[in-house]
């Protein structure tokens, strides 16, 4: 261990029998990446191992377990947009994600490696990446110039065990404190546990992200949080939106008549996971406090661990409708564009991509006043905020926004989004940072 470096302990998950067994059996039951790649046709094997960069293009490797083969999510949207953008810029791109088995495929010009891992116990749409040997094999073959780490729990430890030598950038996609340490402890009697959870989460963030050459935050509020923890070299690079897909649509979308929505009643929409960290309960409690004649209809699109709770509320409230998860981006965009406003209820967003996508469709938004959600509507005149954890404040925010819905507001909202959420700006700034890190202009740790 280098002098001055904090001691790095093995993540606690690795000390449980389930995960120890998964790591050990990984070598017994599955072929290693070297043997797997060796049997592929040469045309599918990608470039031969390289040494120094020389005249070849910049080579970036993304590795994360915040990626679902079947679901959506902001990280997946970012990585798919990144694949296209880096190809247009002549930058080589490799993506390493967990999967059902070790395999190699392609996504456009991106070489995608799936590393076999078990299903995450609390969410069967996601898997854990546990095999350092498989990660090592990918790194030895691809020899990236820069590695971008997209999840903070197990992946950084795998990279250390695999002997990764390329400089690393940490992209802070998930607010570890607000998303993982706070939402699951709501009782006042359990307040000491919540305090301990926050402290542990902050220590984890400090331990993991201080080792990166640079850390990327997608919003000003997230960047400020990271800097307050003493992290050096934090860069704020906002995300973008597919403005050709997420736009006002003149047809399709929600069939209000078929959904039983009375003519002329405003419609709000939420699209995302039903889970504790999104705190939909606060918004829905506020919505229920409105008088029937001023209560908008709310369409809840998605699935997740709290699906049963959401469906129970829908069954007991004629002003609520549930629709299943929409995997097609155009289908989702049409659904958003046919509503009147969006609901951004998550108090732990590091960017709030779904809010930005709704704004691009012309929808103003009711958002919680915490983390990055208010950043998305800042300066737009297209949002109303409510206090975190306060249903009465949520009711007032809904009332205020519904009272000023108009075609002109939709036009202003779309115009704001097109000026603000352009992926080209995102990847221009990211590639510049990659160049700095690869050439040693950014401080390394």
Protein backbone atom coordinates (compact mmCIF):
# COMPACT_ATOMS: atom_id res chain seq x y z
CA UNK A 1 0.00 0.00 0.00
CA UNK A 2 1.34 3.40 -0.96
CA UNK A 3 2.28 5.76 1.84
CA UNK A 4 -0.57 8.07 2.73
CA UNK A 5 -3.20 5.95 1.02
CA UNK A 6 -6.18 4.88 3.14
CA UNK A 7 -6.46 1.20 3.86
CA UNK A 8 -8.84 -0.44 1.40
CA UNK A 9 -10.94 -3.22 2.89
CA UNK A 10 -12.67 -5.91 0.88
CA UNK A 11 -16.37 -4.99 0.36
CA UNK A 12 -18.53 -6.63 2.99
CA UNK A 13 -20.56 -8.52 0.35
CA UNK A 14 -17.49 -10.56 -0.53
CA UNK A 15 -17.32 -11.85 3.05
CA UNK A 16 -20.75 -13.53 2.85
CA UNK A 17 -20.82 -17.25 1.95
CA UNK A 18 -23.14 -16.71 -1.04
CA UNK A 19 -20.71 -14.38 -2.77
CA UNK A 20 -17.60 -16.31 -1.74
CA UNK A 21 -19.13 -19.39 -3.33
CA UNK A 22 -20.05 -17.45 -6.47
CA UNK A 23 -16.47 -16.18 -6.82
CA UNK A 24 -14.89 -19.57 -6.24
CA UNK A 25 -17.26 -21.48 -8.50
CA UNK A 26 -16.77 -18.90 -11.22
CA UNK A 27 -13.42 -20.50 -12.04
CA UNK A 28 -14.81 -24.04 -11.86
CA UNK A 29 -17.96 -23.70 -13.95
CA UNK A 30 -17.26 -21.05 -16.56
CA UNK A 31 -14.49 -20.65 -19.12
CA UNK A 32 -12.11 -17.79 -18.60
CA UNK A 33 -12.17 -14.91 -21.01
CA UNK A 34 -8.85 -15.96 -22.61
CA UNK A 35 -10.22 -19.41 -23.50
CA UNK A 36 -13.57 -17.98 -24.50
CA UNK A 37 -12.06 -15.35 -26.79
CA UNK A 38 -9.62 -17.85 -28.30
CA UNK A 39 -12.41 -19.86 -29.89
CA UNK A 40 -14.12 -16.85 -31.46
CA UNK A 41 -13.53 -16.07 -35.15
CA UNK A 42 -10.75 -13.57 -35.51
CA UNK A 43 -13.14 -11.00 -36.98
CA UNK A 44 -15.06 -11.02 -33.68
CA UNK A 45 -12.09 -10.85 -31.36
CA UNK A 46 -11.52 -7.13 -31.68
CA UNK A 47 -8.12 -5.49 -31.95
CA UNK A 48 -5.00 -7.34 -30.82
CA UNK A 49 -3.57 -6.36 -27.46
CA UNK A 50 -1.86 -3.01 -27.72
CA UNK A 51 0.99 -1.50 -25.86
CA UNK A 52 1.54 2.23 -25.69
CA UNK A 53 -1.17 4.29 -27.37
CA UNK A 54 1.06 5.59 -30.13
CA UNK A 55 -1.00 6.68 -33.13
CA UNK A 56 -4.05 4.57 -32.38
CA UNK A 57 -7.30 6.22 -31.23
CA UNK A 58 -8.05 6.94 -27.60
CA UNK A 59 -9.47 3.78 -25.99
CA UNK A 60 -12.04 4.11 -23.18
CA UNK A 61 -13.38 1.25 -21.08
CA UNK A 62 -16.60 1.62 -19.08
CA UNK A 63 -17.25 -0.86 -16.29
CA UNK A 64 -20.38 -0.88 -14.12
CA UNK A 65 -22.93 -3.16 -12.55
CA UNK A 66 -25.60 -0.43 -12.69
CA UNK A 67 -26.71 -1.99 -15.96
CA UNK A 68 -29.67 -4.27 -16.68
CA UNK A 69 -30.00 -6.45 -19.75
CA UNK A 70 -33.80 -6.25 -19.52
CA UNK A 71 -34.56 -2.93 -17.85
CA UNK A 72 -33.86 0.71 -18.58
CA UNK A 73 -32.31 3.29 -16.27
CA UNK A 74 -30.27 6.45 -16.52
CA UNK A 75 -26.89 4.70 -16.59
CA UNK A 76 -27.95 2.45 -19.46
CA UNK A 77 -29.31 5.44 -21.39
CA UNK A 78 -26.02 7.30 -20.83
CA UNK A 79 -23.90 4.35 -21.99
CA UNK A 80 -25.95 3.79 -25.15
CA UNK A 81 -25.73 7.48 -26.05
CA UNK A 82 -22.02 7.37 -25.28
CA UNK A 83 -21.47 4.41 -27.60
CA UNK A 84 -22.76 6.42 -30.56
CA UNK A 85 -21.01 9.65 -29.60
CA UNK A 86 -17.57 8.11 -29.11
CA UNK A 87 -17.82 6.26 -32.43
CA UNK A 88 -18.58 9.57 -34.16
CA UNK A 89 -15.48 11.07 -32.52
CA UNK A 90 -13.20 8.18 -33.49
CA UNK A 91 -12.75 7.03 -29.88
CA UNK A 92 -12.65 3.29 -29.23
CA UNK A 93 -15.16 2.16 -26.63
CA UNK A 94 -15.34 -1.00 -24.53
CA UNK A 95 -18.17 -1.77 -22.10
CA UNK A 96 -17.96 -4.34 -19.28
CA UNK A 97 -21.21 -5.25 -17.52
CA UNK A 98 -22.59 -8.22 -15.56
CA UNK A 99 -24.58 -10.89 -17.38
CA UNK A 100 -25.91 -14.44 -17.22
CA UNK A 101 -22.69 -15.79 -18.68
CA UNK A 102 -19.28 -14.68 -19.89
CA UNK A 103 -19.73 -13.46 -23.45
CA UNK A 104 -18.66 -10.88 -25.96
CA UNK A 105 -20.94 -8.93 -28.29
CA UNK A 106 -21.13 -5.54 -29.93
CA UNK A 107 -23.31 -2.45 -29.67
CA UNK A 108 -22.55 -0.47 -32.78
CA UNK A 109 -18.79 0.10 -32.64
CA UNK A 110 -18.64 -0.66 -28.89
CA UNK A 111 -17.18 -4.00 -27.81
CA UNK A 112 -19.37 -5.32 -24.98
CA UNK A 113 -18.11 -7.91 -22.49
CA UNK A 114 -20.60 -9.57 -20.14
CA UNK A 115 -19.10 -11.01 -16.96
CA UNK A 116 -21.14 -13.80 -15.45
CA UNK A 117 -22.57 -13.00 -12.03
CA UNK A 118 -25.50 -13.81 -9.73
CA UNK A 119 -28.79 -11.94 -9.69
CA UNK A 120 -28.94 -9.11 -7.17
CA UNK A 121 -31.14 -10.42 -4.34
CA UNK A 122 -33.20 -7.23 -3.97
CA UNK A 123 -33.76 -6.65 -7.70
CA UNK A 124 -33.78 -9.50 -10.21
CA UNK A 125 -33.29 -7.11 -13.14
CA UNK A 126 -29.69 -6.50 -12.05
CA UNK A 127 -26.67 -8.75 -11.49
CA UNK A 128 -23.48 -8.56 -9.48
CA UNK A 129 -20.04 -8.59 -11.05
CA UNK A 130 -17.76 -10.73 -8.87
CA UNK A 131 -15.06 -12.30 -11.06
CA UNK A 132 -11.77 -10.40 -10.91
CA UNK A 133 -10.16 -12.97 -13.22
CA UNK A 134 -12.66 -12.25 -16.00
CA UNK A 135 -12.19 -8.50 -15.57
CA UNK A 136 -8.41 -8.98 -15.64
CA UNK A 137 -8.68 -10.90 -18.92
CA UNK A 138 -10.66 -8.11 -20.54
CA UNK A 139 -8.20 -5.47 -19.33
CA UNK A 140 -5.20 -7.46 -20.58
CA UNK A 141 -6.76 -7.87 -23.99
CA UNK A 142 -8.12 -4.35 -24.45
CA UNK A 143 -5.47 -2.28 -22.64
CA UNK A 144 -7.61 0.86 -22.28
CA UNK A 145 -6.13 4.32 -21.92
CA UNK A 146 -8.75 5.34 -19.37
CA UNK A 147 -11.22 3.30 -17.31
CA UNK A 148 -14.51 4.87 -16.26
CA UNK A 149 -16.05 3.25 -13.17
CA UNK A 150 -19.82 3.61 -13.05
CA UNK A 151 -20.68 1.97 -9.72
CA UNK A 152 -19.05 2.32 -6.30
CA UNK A 153 -19.60 -0.90 -4.39
CA UNK A 154 -17.87 -3.96 -5.87
CA UNK A 155 -16.41 -2.82 -9.20
CA UNK A 156 -13.62 -0.62 -7.73
CA UNK A 157 -12.45 -3.55 -5.62
CA UNK A 158 -12.50 -5.88 -8.67
CA UNK A 159 -10.31 -3.44 -10.56
CA UNK A 160 -7.80 -3.36 -7.72
CA UNK A 161 -7.73 -7.16 -7.54
CA UNK A 162 -7.37 -7.41 -11.31
CA UNK A 163 -4.26 -5.24 -11.29
CA UNK A 164 -5.73 -2.47 -13.47
CA UNK A 165 -2.99 -0.03 -14.47
CA UNK A 166 -4.85 2.51 -16.58
CA UNK A 167 -5.92 5.74 -14.87
CA UNK A 168 -9.49 5.61 -13.60
CA UNK A 169 -12.36 8.08 -13.55
CA UNK A 170 -15.32 7.60 -11.23
CA UNK A 171 -18.71 8.71 -12.54
CA UNK A 172 -20.96 9.32 -9.54
CA UNK A 173 -24.19 7.94 -10.98
CA UNK A 174 -25.87 7.06 -7.66
CA UNK A 175 -26.19 9.18 -4.54
CA UNK A 176 -24.96 6.58 -2.07
CA UNK A 177 -26.12 8.55 0.98
CA UNK A 178 -29.63 9.51 -0.13
CA UNK A 179 -30.37 6.46 -2.26
CA UNK A 180 -28.96 3.62 -0.18
CA UNK A 181 -28.50 4.90 3.38
CA UNK A 182 -31.67 6.95 4.02
CA UNK A 183 -34.87 5.72 2.31
CA UNK A 184 -35.13 2.39 4.10
CA UNK A 185 -35.06 3.79 7.64
CA UNK A 186 -38.11 6.01 8.10
CA UNK A 187 -39.14 5.41 11.71
CA UNK A 188 -38.22 8.12 14.20
CA UNK A 189 -37.21 5.40 16.65
CA UNK A 190 -34.64 4.22 14.14
CA UNK A 191 -33.08 7.67 13.70
CA UNK A 192 -29.73 6.54 15.22
CA UNK A 193 -29.54 3.78 12.59
CA UNK A 194 -30.15 6.35 9.86
CA UNK A 195 -27.36 8.54 11.23
CA UNK A 196 -24.96 5.59 11.29
CA UNK A 197 -26.01 4.67 7.74
CA UNK A 198 -25.23 8.16 6.51
CA UNK A 199 -21.84 8.14 8.19
CA UNK A 200 -20.97 4.75 6.69
CA UNK A 201 -22.12 5.86 3.23
CA UNK A 202 -20.01 9.02 3.38
CA UNK A 203 -16.95 7.05 4.43
CA UNK A 204 -17.51 4.65 1.54
CA UNK A 205 -17.72 7.51 -0.96
CA UNK A 206 -14.55 9.09 0.42
CA UNK A 207 -12.65 5.80 0.42
CA UNK A 208 -13.64 4.84 -3.13
CA UNK A 209 -13.66 8.12 -5.04
CA UNK A 210 -10.49 9.66 -3.59
CA UNK A 211 -8.53 6.93 -5.40
CA UNK A 212 -9.70 7.98 -8.87
CA UNK A 213 -7.77 10.33 -11.13
CA UNK A 214 -10.95 12.38 -11.41
CA UNK A 215 -14.59 12.16 -10.39
CA UNK A 216 -17.48 13.22 -12.62
CA UNK A 217 -20.75 14.55 -11.23
CA UNK A 218 -23.70 15.19 -13.52
CA UNK A 219 -25.14 18.16 -11.63
CA UNK A 220 -23.98 21.14 -9.60
CA UNK A 221 -25.68 19.91 -6.42
CA UNK A 222 -24.00 16.49 -6.65
CA UNK A 223 -20.65 18.11 -7.35
CA UNK A 224 -21.05 20.29 -4.25
CA UNK A 225 -21.89 17.22 -2.14
CA UNK A 226 -18.74 15.43 -3.30
CA UNK A 227 -16.52 18.44 -2.73
CA UNK A 228 -17.96 18.82 0.78
CA UNK A 229 -16.57 15.33 1.49
CA UNK A 230 -13.10 16.55 0.62
CA UNK A 231 -12.83 14.81 -2.74
CA UNK A 232 -10.32 16.38 -5.15
CA UNK A 233 -10.60 16.89 -8.89
CA UNK A 234 -14.42 16.80 -9.17
CA UNK A 235 -15.77 17.76 -12.61
CA UNK A 236 -19.37 18.77 -13.30
CA UNK A 237 -20.51 17.41 -16.67
CA UNK A 238 -24.25 17.37 -17.24
CA UNK A 239 -26.03 14.65 -19.18
CA UNK A 240 -28.13 15.10 -22.29
CA UNK A 241 -31.32 13.89 -23.90
CA UNK A 242 -32.11 12.30 -27.26
CA UNK A 243 -33.92 15.39 -28.48
CA UNK A 244 -35.11 13.68 -31.67
CA UNK A 245 -36.98 11.03 -29.69
CA UNK A 246 -38.02 13.00 -26.64
CA UNK A 247 -39.99 15.81 -28.22
CA UNK A 248 -43.59 16.93 -28.58
CA UNK A 249 -45.49 14.29 -30.54
CA UNK A 250 -48.69 15.08 -32.34
CA UNK A 251 -50.11 11.56 -32.15
CA UNK A 252 -49.91 8.33 -30.18
CA UNK A 253 -49.19 8.18 -26.49
CA UNK A 254 -51.78 7.90 -23.74
CA UNK A 255 -55.33 7.17 -24.85
CA UNK A 256 -57.15 9.21 -22.23
CA UNK A 257 -60.58 7.92 -23.19
CA UNK A 258 -59.49 4.27 -22.96
CA UNK A 259 -57.88 4.97 -19.57
CA UNK A 260 -61.11 6.49 -18.26
CA UNK A 261 -59.67 9.98 -17.84
CA UNK A 262 -62.40 12.63 -18.04
CA UNK A 263 -62.08 15.14 -20.85
CA UNK A 264 -60.34 18.32 -19.78
CA UNK A 265 -58.75 16.88 -16.64
CA UNK A 266 -54.99 17.59 -16.40
CA UNK A 267 -52.77 14.51 -16.50
CA UNK A 268 -49.52 14.05 -14.62
CA UNK A 269 -47.13 11.19 -15.38
CA UNK A 270 -44.34 9.36 -13.55
CA UNK A 271 -42.09 6.89 -15.40
CA UNK A 272 -39.52 4.86 -13.53
CA UNK A 273 -38.93 2.29 -10.80
CA UNK A 274 -41.34 1.81 -7.95
CA UNK A 275 -38.91 1.69 -5.04
CA UNK A 276 -38.32 3.30 -1.66
CA UNK A 277 -35.68 5.74 -2.87
CA UNK A 278 -38.08 7.40 -5.34
CA UNK A 279 -40.42 8.41 -2.47
CA UNK A 280 -43.54 8.31 -4.63
CA UNK A 281 -45.50 7.96 -1.40
CA UNK A 282 -44.90 11.63 -0.53
CA UNK A 283 -46.19 12.85 -3.88
CA UNK A 284 -49.19 10.48 -3.85
CA UNK A 285 -50.09 11.49 -0.29
CA UNK A 286 -50.04 15.11 -1.43
CA UNK A 287 -52.10 14.29 -4.51
CA UNK A 288 -54.73 12.58 -2.32
CA UNK A 289 -55.08 15.75 -0.19
CA UNK A 290 -56.36 17.80 -3.11
CA UNK A 291 -60.09 18.28 -3.45
CA UNK A 292 -61.64 16.02 -6.11
CA UNK A 293 -62.46 18.92 -8.42
CA UNK A 294 -58.81 20.12 -8.47
CA UNK A 295 -57.08 16.74 -8.45
CA UNK A 296 -55.27 15.89 -11.71
CA UNK A 297 -55.23 12.35 -13.02
CA UNK A 298 -51.85 10.68 -12.48
CA UNK A 299 -50.46 7.89 -14.68
CA UNK A 300 -47.73 5.77 -13.07
CA UNK A 301 -45.58 3.94 -15.62
CA UNK A 302 -43.14 1.32 -14.43
CA UNK A 303 -42.39 -1.57 -12.13
CA UNK A 304 -40.19 -2.38 -9.16
CA UNK A 305 -40.00 -3.65 -5.60
CA UNK A 306 -42.92 -1.49 -4.46
CA UNK A 307 -45.22 -2.52 -7.29
CA UNK A 308 -47.78 -4.09 -4.96
CA UNK A 309 -47.99 -0.95 -2.82
CA UNK A 310 -48.45 1.22 -5.91
CA UNK A 311 -51.13 -1.07 -7.34
CA UNK A 312 -52.98 -1.05 -4.02
CA UNK A 313 -53.14 2.74 -4.15
CA UNK A 314 -54.25 2.70 -7.77
CA UNK A 315 -57.08 0.28 -7.02
CA UNK A 316 -58.41 2.56 -4.31
CA UNK A 317 -58.12 5.86 -6.18
CA UNK A 318 -60.00 6.67 -9.42
CA UNK A 319 -57.53 9.50 -10.12
CA UNK A 320 -54.63 7.07 -10.48
CA UNK A 321 -53.74 4.70 -13.36
CA UNK A 322 -50.91 2.19 -13.64
CA UNK A 323 -49.24 1.22 -16.92
CA UNK A 324 -46.48 -1.39 -17.27
CA UNK A 325 -42.84 -0.60 -17.87
CA UNK A 326 -42.15 0.73 -21.38
CA UNK A 327 -38.87 -0.52 -22.81
CA UNK A 328 -39.21 1.28 -26.15
CA UNK A 329 -37.81 4.80 -26.02
CA UNK A 330 -40.22 6.17 -28.64
CA UNK A 331 -43.19 4.55 -26.91
CA UNK A 332 -42.16 6.21 -23.64
CA UNK A 333 -41.56 9.56 -25.33
CA UNK A 334 -45.01 9.50 -26.91
CA UNK A 335 -46.59 8.64 -23.55
CA UNK A 336 -44.78 11.52 -21.86
CA UNK A 337 -45.63 14.00 -24.59
CA UNK A 338 -49.34 13.20 -24.34
CA UNK A 339 -49.48 14.13 -20.62
CA UNK A 340 -49.54 17.63 -19.11
CA UNK A 341 -46.82 17.53 -16.48
CA UNK A 342 -44.15 15.22 -15.04
CA UNK A 343 -43.48 14.01 -11.50
CA UNK A 344 -39.87 14.05 -10.23
CA UNK A 345 -40.23 12.61 -6.75
CA UNK A 346 -36.77 11.08 -6.13
CA UNK A 347 -34.77 12.93 -3.44
CA UNK A 348 -31.53 11.12 -4.35
CA UNK A 349 -31.14 11.90 -8.06
CA UNK A 350 -27.59 12.65 -9.21
CA UNK A 351 -28.94 14.15 -12.44
CA UNK A 352 -32.64 13.38 -12.96
CA UNK A 353 -32.51 12.17 -16.55
CA UNK A 354 -36.19 11.24 -16.65
CA UNK A 355 -37.07 14.82 -15.68
CA UNK A 356 -34.89 16.18 -18.50
CA UNK A 357 -36.53 13.78 -20.97
CA UNK A 358 -39.97 14.97 -19.89
CA UNK A 359 -38.94 18.62 -20.26
CA UNK A 360 -37.74 17.82 -23.79
CA UNK A 361 -41.24 16.53 -24.53
CA UNK A 362 -42.63 19.89 -23.41
CA UNK A 363 -43.78 18.81 -19.95
CA UNK A 364 -43.23 21.09 -16.96
CA UNK A 365 -42.55 19.19 -13.75
CA UNK A 366 -43.41 18.96 -10.08
CA UNK A 367 -40.14 18.05 -8.33
CA UNK A 368 -38.88 17.41 -4.82
CA UNK A 369 -36.53 20.12 -3.54
CA UNK A 370 -33.59 17.82 -2.89
CA UNK A 371 -30.45 16.61 -4.70
CA UNK A 372 -30.42 17.16 -8.48
CA UNK A 373 -34.16 17.25 -9.18
CA UNK A 374 -34.46 21.03 -8.68
CA UNK A 375 -31.32 21.54 -10.81
CA UNK A 376 -33.23 20.21 -13.82
CA UNK A 377 -35.85 22.96 -13.72
CA UNK A 378 -33.60 25.76 -12.44
CA UNK A 379 -33.97 28.82 -14.68
CA UNK A 380 -36.70 27.24 -16.80
CA UNK A 381 -39.95 28.59 -15.27
CA UNK A 382 -41.12 25.03 -15.96
CA UNK A 383 -41.19 23.53 -12.50
CA UNK A 384 -42.73 23.69 -9.07
CA UNK A 385 -40.89 22.31 -6.03
CA UNK A 386 -42.12 20.70 -2.84
CA UNK A 387 -40.35 20.04 0.43
CA UNK A 388 -38.84 16.59 0.85
CA UNK A 389 -41.06 14.36 3.00
CA UNK A 390 -43.93 16.91 3.14
CA UNK A 391 -47.20 15.78 1.47
CA UNK A 392 -48.91 19.12 2.13
CA UNK A 393 -46.09 20.92 0.30
CA UNK A 394 -46.48 18.42 -2.57
CA UNK A 395 -50.21 19.19 -2.76
CA UNK A 396 -49.46 22.92 -3.00
CA UNK A 397 -46.85 22.37 -5.73
CA UNK A 398 -49.33 20.32 -7.79
CA UNK A 399 -51.96 23.02 -7.36
CA UNK A 400 -49.56 25.77 -8.43
CA UNK A 401 -48.33 23.98 -11.55
CA UNK A 402 -51.78 22.82 -12.70
CA UNK A 403 -52.98 26.40 -12.33
CA UNK A 404 -50.53 27.66 -14.94
CA UNK A 405 -50.53 24.87 -17.54
CA UNK A 406 -50.77 26.28 -21.05
CA UNK A 407 -49.53 25.66 -24.61
CA UNK A 408 -47.13 28.56 -24.15
CA UNK A 409 -45.59 26.93 -21.08
CA UNK A 410 -45.10 23.71 -23.04
CA UNK A 411 -43.33 25.62 -25.82
CA UNK A 412 -41.04 27.39 -23.35
CA UNK A 413 -40.27 24.10 -21.64
CA UNK A 414 -39.26 22.41 -24.88
CA UNK A 415 -37.14 25.41 -25.86
CA UNK A 416 -35.33 25.32 -22.51
CA UNK A 417 -34.59 21.61 -22.89
CA UNK A 418 -33.17 21.94 -26.40
CA UNK A 419 -30.81 24.67 -25.19
CA UNK A 420 -29.76 22.81 -22.06
CA UNK A 421 -29.73 19.03 -22.59
CA UNK A 422 -27.61 18.29 -25.63
CA UNK A 423 -25.55 15.06 -25.56
CA UNK A 424 -22.95 16.65 -27.85
CA UNK A 425 -21.89 19.01 -25.06
CA UNK A 426 -21.70 16.12 -22.60
CA UNK A 427 -19.35 14.01 -24.67
CA UNK A 428 -17.22 16.90 -25.89
CA UNK A 429 -16.44 17.69 -22.25
CA UNK A 430 -15.95 14.03 -21.32
CA UNK A 431 -13.53 13.30 -24.16
CA UNK A 432 -11.51 16.37 -23.19
CA UNK A 433 -11.30 15.03 -19.64
CA UNK A 434 -10.29 11.57 -20.91
CA UNK A 435 -7.47 13.15 -22.91
CA UNK A 436 -6.25 15.05 -19.85
CA UNK A 437 -6.33 11.95 -17.66
CA UNK A 438 -4.69 9.73 -20.28
CA UNK A 439 -1.85 12.18 -20.81
CA UNK A 440 -1.35 12.92 -17.13
CA UNK A 441 -2.69 16.48 -17.16
CA UNK A 442 -5.30 15.58 -14.54
CA UNK A 443 -3.94 14.83 -11.06
CA UNK A 444 -3.55 11.08 -10.44
CA UNK A 445 -3.96 9.28 -7.15
